[in-house]
Amino acid sequence: MAKRIKNNEKRIALLNATLHLVNNSGFHDAPMSKIAKMAGVSPATIYIYFENKQDLINKLYLQTKASFSDYAFKDYSPNLTVKNGFELIWRNIAHFKLNQVEEANFLSQCDNINTMIDEASRQEGLKNLQPLLDLWERGQKEGIMKNISPYLLYAFTIYPLAFLMTMQERSDFELTEDNLTEAFSSAWNAIKI
């Protein structure tokens, strides 16, 4: 029997179909059969690329988290001041959420649904945030940022962006550059000493 050769286009189609279905139907209403149909492959083809649905979701999460990280830390240098470095990262994250809406929504679901990705993938994904965590630690050591948990720092500075993106999607609020400036100022004021 001939060995089946992996086709990267099919893998990408499966990941994109999963992203779309999970965002629009939820994790539990995105069965492998629907994913395969949307990707234009047979259900058996999925198992050439992924062990099971959990493996597919985990790999999609890690790929999306890496893309998010590339976007978030674009042009960042540890030589920047804490405030300037944080503002650059914060704005990059805001623009990721504005421009990569499907990916941002998927990551939000992964953050909010405990059973969606496994713990090993969650921990691996957290490594992508290390430059931000290092920056916050430096800010705390320099005495310019509150000495609180990184989870609290994230909750008061980054997480509100998800709410603002939702309000923009509903057309209740527009994230103009002026509004982003005000939002950053509020985020910085929440964590600075």
N, C-alpha and C. Protein backbone atom coordinates (compact mmCIF):
# COMPACT_ATOMS: atom_id res chain seq x y z
N MET A 1 0.85 -1.18 0.00
CA MET A 1 0.00 0.00 0.00
C MET A 1 0.89 1.24 0.00
N ALA A 2 0.55 2.19 -0.83
CA ALA A 2 1.34 3.43 -0.94
C ALA A 2 1.12 4.30 0.29
N LYS A 3 2.19 4.92 0.74
CA LYS A 3 2.11 5.83 1.89
C LYS A 3 1.53 7.17 1.42
N ARG A 4 0.59 7.70 2.18
CA ARG A 4 -0.03 8.98 1.82
C ARG A 4 0.92 10.12 2.16
N ILE A 5 1.06 11.03 1.25
CA ILE A 5 1.96 12.17 1.43
C ILE A 5 1.16 13.35 1.98
N LYS A 6 1.74 14.00 2.97
CA LYS A 6 1.08 15.16 3.56
C LYS A 6 1.16 16.35 2.61
N ASN A 7 0.07 17.07 2.51
CA ASN A 7 -0.04 18.25 1.65
C ASN A 7 -0.28 19.44 2.57
N ASN A 8 0.65 20.39 2.60
CA ASN A 8 0.55 21.52 3.51
C ASN A 8 -0.71 22.36 3.25
N GLU A 9 -1.15 22.41 2.00
CA GLU A 9 -2.37 23.17 1.69
C GLU A 9 -3.59 22.56 2.38
N LYS A 10 -3.64 21.24 2.46
CA LYS A 10 -4.76 20.58 3.14
C LYS A 10 -4.69 20.86 4.64
N ARG A 11 -3.49 20.82 5.19
CA ARG A 11 -3.32 21.10 6.62
C ARG A 11 -3.80 22.52 6.93
N ILE A 12 -3.39 23.47 6.11
CA ILE A 12 -3.80 24.87 6.29
C ILE A 12 -5.31 25.00 6.15
N ALA A 13 -5.89 24.31 5.16
CA ALA A 13 -7.35 24.35 4.97
C ALA A 13 -8.07 23.79 6.20
N LEU A 14 -7.53 22.73 6.79
CA LEU A 14 -8.13 22.16 8.00
C LEU A 14 -8.04 23.12 9.17
N LEU A 15 -6.90 23.77 9.34
CA LEU A 15 -6.74 24.75 10.42
C LEU A 15 -7.68 25.93 10.23
N ASN A 16 -7.78 26.43 8.99
CA ASN A 16 -8.67 27.57 8.71
C ASN A 16 -10.13 27.20 8.92
N ALA A 17 -10.51 26.01 8.50
CA ALA A 17 -11.89 25.56 8.69
C ALA A 17 -12.20 25.43 10.19
N THR A 18 -11.26 24.91 10.94
CA THR A 18 -11.45 24.76 12.38
C THR A 18 -11.61 26.13 13.03
N LEU A 19 -10.74 27.06 12.66
CA LEU A 19 -10.81 28.42 13.20
C LEU A 19 -12.19 29.02 12.94
N HIS A 20 -12.65 28.91 11.71
CA HIS A 20 -13.95 29.48 11.34
C HIS A 20 -15.10 28.81 12.09
N LEU A 21 -15.10 27.49 12.12
CA LEU A 21 -16.20 26.78 12.76
C LEU A 21 -16.23 26.99 14.28
N VAL A 22 -15.07 26.96 14.91
CA VAL A 22 -15.03 27.17 16.36
C VAL A 22 -15.51 28.58 16.69
N ASN A 23 -15.07 29.57 15.90
CA ASN A 23 -15.50 30.96 16.16
C ASN A 23 -16.99 31.15 15.95
N ASN A 24 -17.56 30.46 14.98
CA ASN A 24 -18.95 30.70 14.63
C ASN A 24 -19.94 29.72 15.26
N SER A 25 -19.47 28.53 15.63
CA SER A 25 -20.37 27.53 16.18
C SER A 25 -19.98 27.06 17.57
N GLY A 26 -18.77 27.38 17.98
CA GLY A 26 -18.27 26.92 19.27
C GLY A 26 -17.50 25.62 19.12
N PHE A 27 -16.71 25.33 20.12
CA PHE A 27 -15.85 24.15 20.11
C PHE A 27 -16.64 22.86 19.95
N HIS A 28 -17.71 22.71 20.71
CA HIS A 28 -18.47 21.45 20.70
C HIS A 28 -19.32 21.29 19.45
N ASP A 29 -19.63 22.38 18.77
CA ASP A 29 -20.43 22.29 17.55
C ASP A 29 -19.56 22.41 16.30
N ALA A 30 -18.33 21.97 16.43
CA ALA A 30 -17.41 21.93 15.29
C ALA A 30 -16.85 20.51 15.16
N PRO A 31 -17.72 19.55 14.77
CA PRO A 31 -17.26 18.16 14.66
C PRO A 31 -16.28 17.98 13.50
N MET A 32 -15.51 16.92 13.58
CA MET A 32 -14.51 16.63 12.55
C MET A 32 -15.14 16.54 11.17
N SER A 33 -16.36 16.01 11.08
CA SER A 33 -17.00 15.88 9.77
C SER A 33 -17.26 17.26 9.14
N LYS A 34 -17.69 18.23 9.95
CA LYS A 34 -17.91 19.60 9.43
C LYS A 34 -16.59 20.25 9.06
N ILE A 35 -15.58 20.04 9.88
CA ILE A 35 -14.25 20.61 9.59
C ILE A 35 -13.75 20.08 8.26
N ALA A 36 -13.85 18.77 8.08
CA ALA A 36 -13.39 18.14 6.83
C ALA A 36 -14.17 18.68 5.63
N LYS A 37 -15.48 18.76 5.78
CA LYS A 37 -16.32 19.24 4.67
C LYS A 37 -15.94 20.67 4.29
N MET A 38 -15.79 21.53 5.30
CA MET A 38 -15.45 22.92 5.02
C MET A 38 -14.05 23.04 4.39
N ALA A 39 -13.14 22.15 4.79
CA ALA A 39 -11.78 22.18 4.24
C ALA A 39 -11.70 21.52 2.88
N GLY A 40 -12.76 20.82 2.49
CA GLY A 40 -12.79 20.16 1.18
C GLY A 40 -11.97 18.88 1.16
N VAL A 41 -11.93 18.19 2.29
CA VAL A 41 -11.21 16.92 2.36
C VAL A 41 -12.10 15.87 2.99
N SER A 42 -11.70 14.62 2.89
CA SER A 42 -12.47 13.56 3.55
C SER A 42 -12.15 13.57 5.04
N PRO A 43 -13.08 13.13 5.88
CA PRO A 43 -12.81 13.10 7.32
C PRO A 43 -11.55 12.31 7.67
N ALA A 44 -11.27 11.26 6.94
CA ALA A 44 -10.08 10.44 7.22
C ALA A 44 -8.79 11.23 7.00
N THR A 45 -8.84 12.21 6.11
CA THR A 45 -7.65 13.01 5.81
C THR A 45 -7.17 13.78 7.04
N ILE A 46 -8.09 14.17 7.89
CA ILE A 46 -7.71 14.92 9.09
C ILE A 46 -6.65 14.15 9.88
N TYR A 47 -6.83 12.83 9.96
CA TYR A 47 -5.96 12.01 10.80
C TYR A 47 -4.57 11.78 10.20
N ILE A 48 -4.36 12.25 9.00
CA ILE A 48 -3.01 12.26 8.43
C ILE A 48 -2.20 13.37 9.09
N TYR A 49 -2.88 14.45 9.46
CA TYR A 49 -2.22 15.64 9.99
C TYR A 49 -2.34 15.79 11.51
N PHE A 50 -3.42 15.26 12.06
CA PHE A 50 -3.71 15.45 13.48
C PHE A 50 -4.17 14.14 14.09
N GLU A 51 -3.79 13.91 15.36
CA GLU A 51 -4.16 12.67 16.04
C GLU A 51 -5.66 12.59 16.29
N ASN A 52 -6.25 13.73 16.66
CA ASN A 52 -7.67 13.79 16.99
C ASN A 52 -8.08 15.26 17.04
N LYS A 53 -9.30 15.53 17.42
CA LYS A 53 -9.79 16.90 17.45
C LYS A 53 -9.00 17.75 18.46
N GLN A 54 -8.67 17.17 19.61
CA GLN A 54 -7.92 17.91 20.62
C GLN A 54 -6.55 18.32 20.07
N ASP A 55 -5.90 17.41 19.37
CA ASP A 55 -4.60 17.71 18.77
C ASP A 55 -4.74 18.83 17.73
N LEU A 56 -5.79 18.78 16.94
CA LEU A 56 -6.06 19.82 15.94
C LEU A 56 -6.25 21.18 16.61
N ILE A 57 -7.07 21.23 17.66
CA ILE A 57 -7.31 22.48 18.37
C ILE A 57 -6.03 22.98 19.03
N ASN A 58 -5.29 22.08 19.66
CA ASN A 58 -4.03 22.47 20.32
C ASN A 58 -3.04 23.06 19.31
N LYS A 59 -2.92 22.42 18.17
CA LYS A 59 -1.97 22.91 17.16
C LYS A 59 -2.43 24.25 16.57
N LEU A 60 -3.73 24.39 16.37
CA LEU A 60 -4.27 25.66 15.90
C LEU A 60 -4.00 26.75 16.93
N TYR A 61 -4.20 26.44 18.20
CA TYR A 61 -3.94 27.40 19.27
C TYR A 61 -2.47 27.83 19.27
N LEU A 62 -1.56 26.86 19.21
CA LEU A 62 -0.13 27.20 19.27
C LEU A 62 0.30 28.00 18.04
N GLN A 63 -0.24 27.65 16.89
CA GLN A 63 0.09 28.41 15.67
C GLN A 63 -0.45 29.84 15.77
N THR A 64 -1.68 29.97 16.24
CA THR A 64 -2.31 31.29 16.37
C THR A 64 -1.60 32.11 17.43
N LYS A 65 -1.22 31.49 18.53
CA LYS A 65 -0.51 32.19 19.61
C LYS A 65 0.85 32.67 19.12
N ALA A 66 1.54 31.88 18.30
CA ALA A 66 2.83 32.30 17.74
C ALA A 66 2.64 33.48 16.79
N SER A 67 1.59 33.45 16.00
CA SER A 67 1.29 34.57 15.10
C SER A 67 0.99 35.83 15.90
N PHE A 68 0.20 35.68 16.97
CA PHE A 68 -0.11 36.78 17.87
C PHE A 68 1.18 37.36 18.46
N SER A 69 2.05 36.49 18.90
CA SER A 69 3.31 36.92 19.51
C SER A 69 4.18 37.69 18.51
N ASP A 70 4.27 37.19 17.29
CA ASP A 70 5.04 37.90 16.25
C ASP A 70 4.50 39.30 16.06
N TYR A 71 3.20 39.42 16.04
CA TYR A 71 2.53 40.71 15.87
C TYR A 71 2.76 41.60 17.09
N ALA A 72 2.58 41.02 18.27
CA ALA A 72 2.67 41.80 19.52
C ALA A 72 4.06 42.37 19.76
N PHE A 73 5.10 41.64 19.38
CA PHE A 73 6.46 42.06 19.71
C PHE A 73 7.22 42.61 18.51
N LYS A 74 6.49 42.92 17.45
CA LYS A 74 7.10 43.54 16.27
C LYS A 74 7.72 44.88 16.68
N ASP A 75 8.96 45.07 16.33
CA ASP A 75 9.72 46.31 16.60
C ASP A 75 10.02 46.54 18.08
N TYR A 76 9.71 45.57 18.94
CA TYR A 76 10.01 45.71 20.36
C TYR A 76 11.48 45.44 20.63
N SER A 77 12.04 46.22 21.53
CA SER A 77 13.42 46.02 21.98
C SER A 77 13.45 46.17 23.49
N PRO A 78 14.15 45.28 24.18
CA PRO A 78 14.28 45.42 25.64
C PRO A 78 15.00 46.70 26.05
N ASN A 79 15.60 47.40 25.10
CA ASN A 79 16.29 48.66 25.39
C ASN A 79 15.33 49.83 25.55
N LEU A 80 14.08 49.65 25.16
CA LEU A 80 13.09 50.72 25.33
C LEU A 80 12.80 50.92 26.82
N THR A 81 12.35 52.11 27.17
CA THR A 81 11.90 52.32 28.55
C THR A 81 10.71 51.40 28.80
N VAL A 82 10.41 51.14 30.05
CA VAL A 82 9.29 50.26 30.38
C VAL A 82 8.00 50.80 29.79
N LYS A 83 7.73 52.08 29.97
CA LYS A 83 6.48 52.64 29.46
C LYS A 83 6.43 52.59 27.94
N ASN A 84 7.52 53.00 27.27
CA ASN A 84 7.52 52.99 25.81
C ASN A 84 7.43 51.57 25.25
N GLY A 85 8.13 50.64 25.90
CA GLY A 85 8.06 49.25 25.46
C GLY A 85 6.66 48.68 25.63
N PHE A 86 6.06 49.00 26.78
CA PHE A 86 4.71 48.51 27.03
C PHE A 86 3.72 49.13 26.06
N GLU A 87 3.86 50.40 25.78
CA GLU A 87 2.93 51.04 24.84
C GLU A 87 3.06 50.42 23.45
N LEU A 88 4.28 50.16 23.01
CA LEU A 88 4.47 49.53 21.70
C LEU A 88 3.78 48.17 21.66
N ILE A 89 4.04 47.34 22.68
CA ILE A 89 3.44 46.01 22.73
C ILE A 89 1.92 46.13 22.81
N TRP A 90 1.42 47.00 23.68
CA TRP A 90 -0.02 47.16 23.87
C TRP A 90 -0.70 47.57 22.56
N ARG A 91 -0.11 48.53 21.86
CA ARG A 91 -0.69 48.98 20.59
C ARG A 91 -0.63 47.88 19.53
N ASN A 92 0.48 47.13 19.50
CA ASN A 92 0.58 46.00 18.57
C ASN A 92 -0.53 44.98 18.84
N ILE A 93 -0.78 44.70 20.12
CA ILE A 93 -1.84 43.77 20.47
C ILE A 93 -3.20 44.33 20.04
N ALA A 94 -3.41 45.61 20.27
CA ALA A 94 -4.68 46.24 19.86
C ALA A 94 -4.86 46.11 18.34
N HIS A 95 -3.81 46.36 17.59
CA HIS A 95 -3.92 46.28 16.13
C HIS A 95 -4.09 44.83 15.67
N PHE A 96 -3.48 43.89 16.38
CA PHE A 96 -3.72 42.47 16.07
C PHE A 96 -5.20 42.18 16.22
N LYS A 97 -5.79 42.60 17.34
CA LYS A 97 -7.20 42.33 17.59
C LYS A 97 -8.10 43.03 16.58
N LEU A 98 -7.69 44.18 16.09
CA LEU A 98 -8.47 44.90 15.08
C LEU A 98 -8.33 44.30 13.69
N ASN A 99 -7.13 43.82 13.38
CA ASN A 99 -6.84 43.36 12.02
C ASN A 99 -6.91 41.85 11.83
N GLN A 100 -6.76 41.10 12.89
CA GLN A 100 -6.79 39.63 12.83
C GLN A 100 -7.96 39.16 13.71
N VAL A 101 -9.14 39.58 13.35
CA VAL A 101 -10.31 39.39 14.20
C VAL A 101 -10.60 37.92 14.47
N GLU A 102 -10.56 37.07 13.45
CA GLU A 102 -10.85 35.65 13.66
C GLU A 102 -9.85 35.02 14.61
N GLU A 103 -8.57 35.32 14.41
CA GLU A 103 -7.54 34.76 15.27
C GLU A 103 -7.69 35.27 16.70
N ALA A 104 -7.97 36.56 16.85
CA ALA A 104 -8.14 37.15 18.18
C ALA A 104 -9.35 36.53 18.88
N ASN A 105 -10.44 36.32 18.17
CA ASN A 105 -11.63 35.70 18.77
C ASN A 105 -11.34 34.26 19.21
N PHE A 106 -10.59 33.54 18.38
CA PHE A 106 -10.24 32.17 18.73
C PHE A 106 -9.39 32.14 20.00
N LEU A 107 -8.39 33.01 20.09
CA LEU A 107 -7.55 33.05 21.28
C LEU A 107 -8.36 33.42 22.52
N SER A 108 -9.32 34.32 22.36
CA SER A 108 -10.18 34.68 23.50
C SER A 108 -10.98 33.48 23.97
N GLN A 109 -11.50 32.70 23.02
CA GLN A 109 -12.23 31.49 23.41
C GLN A 109 -11.32 30.52 24.15
N CYS A 110 -10.11 30.38 23.66
CA CYS A 110 -9.15 29.47 24.32
C CYS A 110 -8.85 29.94 25.74
N ASP A 111 -8.79 31.25 25.93
CA ASP A 111 -8.53 31.80 27.26
C ASP A 111 -9.72 31.62 28.19
N ASN A 112 -10.93 31.60 27.64
CA ASN A 112 -12.14 31.60 28.46
C ASN A 112 -12.78 30.24 28.66
N ILE A 113 -12.42 29.25 27.85
CA ILE A 113 -13.01 27.91 27.97
C ILE A 113 -11.91 26.96 28.41
N ASN A 114 -11.96 26.56 29.66
CA ASN A 114 -10.89 25.76 30.24
C ASN A 114 -10.62 24.45 29.51
N THR A 115 -11.63 23.83 28.96
CA THR A 115 -11.47 22.50 28.36
C THR A 115 -11.12 22.54 26.88
N MET A 116 -10.98 23.73 26.31
CA MET A 116 -10.76 23.81 24.88
C MET A 116 -9.37 23.36 24.46
N ILE A 117 -8.36 23.76 25.17
CA ILE A 117 -7.00 23.32 24.87
C ILE A 117 -6.44 22.63 26.10
N ASP A 118 -5.47 21.74 25.89
CA ASP A 118 -4.93 21.04 27.05
C ASP A 118 -3.92 21.91 27.79
N GLU A 119 -3.61 21.52 29.00
CA GLU A 119 -2.75 22.33 29.86
C GLU A 119 -1.34 22.47 29.29
N ALA A 120 -0.82 21.43 28.67
CA ALA A 120 0.52 21.50 28.08
C ALA A 120 0.56 22.56 26.98
N SER A 121 -0.48 22.62 26.16
CA SER A 121 -0.54 23.63 25.09
C SER A 121 -0.71 25.03 25.68
N ARG A 122 -1.52 25.14 26.74
CA ARG A 122 -1.70 26.43 27.40
C ARG A 122 -0.36 26.95 27.93
N GLN A 123 0.39 26.07 28.59
CA GLN A 123 1.69 26.47 29.14
C GLN A 123 2.67 26.82 28.02
N GLU A 124 2.64 26.06 26.95
CA GLU A 124 3.51 26.36 25.80
C GLU A 124 3.13 27.71 25.19
N GLY A 125 1.84 27.98 25.09
CA GLY A 125 1.37 29.26 24.55
C GLY A 125 1.78 30.44 25.41
N LEU A 126 1.81 30.25 26.73
CA LEU A 126 2.22 31.33 27.63
C LEU A 126 3.66 31.76 27.39
N LYS A 127 4.49 30.85 26.92
CA LYS A 127 5.89 31.18 26.64
C LYS A 127 6.00 32.29 25.60
N ASN A 128 4.99 32.40 24.75
CA ASN A 128 4.99 33.44 23.72
C ASN A 128 4.89 34.84 24.32
N LEU A 129 4.42 34.94 25.55
CA LEU A 129 4.26 36.24 26.21
C LEU A 129 5.49 36.64 27.03
N GLN A 130 6.54 35.84 26.97
CA GLN A 130 7.69 36.07 27.85
C GLN A 130 8.28 37.48 27.75
N PRO A 131 8.43 38.06 26.56
CA PRO A 131 8.97 39.43 26.52
C PRO A 131 8.12 40.43 27.32
N LEU A 132 6.80 40.28 27.29
CA LEU A 132 5.92 41.16 28.05
C LEU A 132 6.09 40.90 29.56
N LEU A 133 6.15 39.65 29.93
CA LEU A 133 6.34 39.30 31.34
C LEU A 133 7.68 39.84 31.85
N ASP A 134 8.72 39.72 31.02
CA ASP A 134 10.04 40.25 31.40
C ASP A 134 10.00 41.76 31.56
N LEU A 135 9.28 42.44 30.65
CA LEU A 135 9.16 43.89 30.72
C LEU A 135 8.45 44.30 32.01
N TRP A 136 7.35 43.62 32.33
CA TRP A 136 6.63 43.93 33.57
C TRP A 136 7.51 43.69 34.79
N GLU A 137 8.27 42.61 34.78
CA GLU A 137 9.16 42.32 35.91
C GLU A 137 10.20 43.44 36.05
N ARG A 138 10.72 43.91 34.93
CA ARG A 138 11.68 45.01 34.97
C ARG A 138 11.03 46.27 35.53
N GLY A 139 9.80 46.56 35.11
CA GLY A 139 9.07 47.72 35.61
C GLY A 139 8.85 47.64 37.11
N GLN A 140 8.59 46.45 37.60
CA GLN A 140 8.41 46.27 39.04
C GLN A 140 9.74 46.46 39.79
N LYS A 141 10.82 45.91 39.23
CA LYS A 141 12.13 46.06 39.86
C LYS A 141 12.59 47.52 39.88
N GLU A 142 12.22 48.26 38.83
CA GLU A 142 12.58 49.68 38.76
C GLU A 142 11.65 50.54 39.61
N GLY A 143 10.62 49.94 40.18
CA GLY A 143 9.72 50.66 41.06
C GLY A 143 8.76 51.60 40.36
N ILE A 144 8.48 51.33 39.08
CA ILE A 144 7.56 52.20 38.35
C ILE A 144 6.21 51.52 38.06
N MET A 145 6.15 50.22 38.38
CA MET A 145 4.90 49.48 38.18
C MET A 145 4.51 48.78 39.48
N LYS A 146 3.22 48.62 39.66
CA LYS A 146 2.72 47.93 40.86
C LYS A 146 3.28 46.51 40.92
N ASN A 147 3.63 46.09 42.09
CA ASN A 147 4.18 44.76 42.30
C ASN A 147 3.03 43.77 42.54
N ILE A 148 2.31 43.48 41.46
CA ILE A 148 1.18 42.56 41.51
C ILE A 148 1.39 41.44 40.50
N SER A 149 0.58 40.43 40.60
CA SER A 149 0.68 39.26 39.72
C SER A 149 0.59 39.66 38.24
N PRO A 150 1.34 38.96 37.38
CA PRO A 150 1.20 39.21 35.95
C PRO A 150 -0.23 38.97 35.44
N TYR A 151 -0.96 38.09 36.13
CA TYR A 151 -2.36 37.86 35.74
C TYR A 151 -3.19 39.11 35.97
N LEU A 152 -2.93 39.79 37.08
CA LEU A 152 -3.64 41.05 37.36
C LEU A 152 -3.21 42.13 36.37
N LEU A 153 -1.92 42.19 36.08
CA LEU A 153 -1.44 43.17 35.09
C LEU A 153 -2.13 42.95 33.75
N TYR A 154 -2.22 41.69 33.34
CA TYR A 154 -2.86 41.36 32.07
C TYR A 154 -4.35 41.70 32.12
N ALA A 155 -4.99 41.38 33.25
CA ALA A 155 -6.43 41.63 33.39
C ALA A 155 -6.77 43.11 33.28
N PHE A 156 -5.90 43.96 33.81
CA PHE A 156 -6.20 45.40 33.81
C PHE A 156 -5.67 46.14 32.59
N THR A 157 -4.83 45.52 31.80
CA THR A 157 -4.25 46.24 30.68
C THR A 157 -4.57 45.63 29.31
N ILE A 158 -4.44 44.34 29.17
CA ILE A 158 -4.62 43.68 27.87
C ILE A 158 -6.05 43.18 27.69
N TYR A 159 -6.57 42.55 28.71
CA TYR A 159 -7.90 41.93 28.59
C TYR A 159 -9.00 42.92 28.22
N PRO A 160 -8.97 44.17 28.70
CA PRO A 160 -10.02 45.12 28.29
C PRO A 160 -10.08 45.34 26.77
N LEU A 161 -9.00 45.07 26.07
CA LEU A 161 -9.03 45.21 24.61
C LEU A 161 -10.06 44.29 23.99
N ALA A 162 -10.22 43.09 24.54
CA ALA A 162 -11.22 42.15 24.02
C ALA A 162 -12.62 42.74 24.13
N PHE A 163 -12.91 43.39 25.25
CA PHE A 163 -14.21 44.04 25.44
C PHE A 163 -14.40 45.15 24.40
N LEU A 164 -13.38 45.97 24.22
CA LEU A 164 -13.48 47.07 23.25
C LEU A 164 -13.67 46.55 21.83
N MET A 165 -13.01 45.45 21.49
CA MET A 165 -13.17 44.86 20.16
C MET A 165 -14.60 44.36 19.97
N THR A 166 -15.16 43.75 21.02
CA THR A 166 -16.54 43.28 20.95
C THR A 166 -17.50 44.44 20.74
N MET A 167 -17.27 45.54 21.45
CA MET A 167 -18.13 46.72 21.30
C MET A 167 -18.01 47.30 19.90
N GLN A 168 -16.81 47.24 19.33
CA GLN A 168 -16.64 47.73 17.96
C GLN A 168 -17.34 46.81 16.97
N GLU A 169 -17.24 45.50 17.18
CA GLU A 169 -17.92 44.55 16.29
C GLU A 169 -19.42 44.76 16.29
N ARG A 170 -19.97 45.16 17.44
CA ARG A 170 -21.42 45.42 17.57
C ARG A 170 -21.79 46.82 17.08
N SER A 171 -20.81 47.59 16.67
CA SER A 171 -20.99 48.98 16.24
C SER A 171 -21.48 49.88 17.37
N ASP A 172 -21.15 49.52 18.61
CA ASP A 172 -21.50 50.34 19.76
C ASP A 172 -20.40 51.35 20.09
N PHE A 173 -19.21 51.11 19.57
CA PHE A 173 -18.05 51.94 19.91
C PHE A 173 -17.04 51.81 18.79
N GLU A 174 -16.35 52.91 18.47
CA GLU A 174 -15.34 52.87 17.41
C GLU A 174 -13.97 53.08 18.04
N LEU A 175 -13.07 52.18 17.73
CA LEU A 175 -11.71 52.29 18.25
C LEU A 175 -10.86 53.15 17.31
N THR A 176 -11.01 54.42 17.44
CA THR A 176 -10.18 55.36 16.68
C THR A 176 -8.81 55.44 17.35
N GLU A 177 -7.87 56.08 16.70
CA GLU A 177 -6.54 56.26 17.30
C GLU A 177 -6.65 57.07 18.59
N ASP A 178 -7.53 58.07 18.62
CA ASP A 178 -7.73 58.84 19.85
C ASP A 178 -8.25 57.95 20.98
N ASN A 179 -9.20 57.09 20.66
CA ASN A 179 -9.73 56.17 21.68
C ASN A 179 -8.67 55.18 22.14
N LEU A 180 -7.84 54.72 21.20
CA LEU A 180 -6.75 53.81 21.59
C LEU A 180 -5.76 54.52 22.52
N THR A 181 -5.49 55.78 22.24
CA THR A 181 -4.59 56.55 23.10
C THR A 181 -5.17 56.67 24.50
N GLU A 182 -6.45 56.97 24.59
CA GLU A 182 -7.11 57.06 25.89
C GLU A 182 -7.12 55.70 26.60
N ALA A 183 -7.37 54.65 25.84
CA ALA A 183 -7.40 53.31 26.43
C ALA A 183 -6.02 52.92 26.95
N PHE A 184 -4.97 53.25 26.17
CA PHE A 184 -3.62 52.94 26.66
C PHE A 184 -3.32 53.73 27.92
N SER A 185 -3.66 55.00 27.92
CA SER A 185 -3.41 55.83 29.10
C SER A 185 -4.10 55.23 30.34
N SER A 186 -5.31 54.75 30.16
CA SER A 186 -6.04 54.12 31.28
C SER A 186 -5.35 52.84 31.70
N ALA A 187 -4.90 52.05 30.73
CA ALA A 187 -4.20 50.80 31.06
C ALA A 187 -2.91 51.10 31.83
N TRP A 188 -2.13 52.06 31.34
CA TRP A 188 -0.88 52.40 32.01
C TRP A 188 -1.15 52.94 33.42
N ASN A 189 -2.15 53.79 33.55
CA ASN A 189 -2.47 54.35 34.87
C ASN A 189 -2.91 53.27 35.86
N ALA A 190 -3.47 52.18 35.34
CA ALA A 190 -3.93 51.09 36.22
C ALA A 190 -2.77 50.33 36.84
N ILE A 191 -1.59 50.36 36.21
CA ILE A 191 -0.50 49.52 36.70
C ILE A 191 0.73 50.31 37.15
N LYS A 192 0.81 51.59 36.82
CA LYS A 192 1.98 52.36 37.23
C LYS A 192 1.86 52.78 38.68
N ILE A 193 3.00 53.07 39.27
CA ILE A 193 3.00 53.57 40.66
C ILE A 193 2.94 55.09 40.63
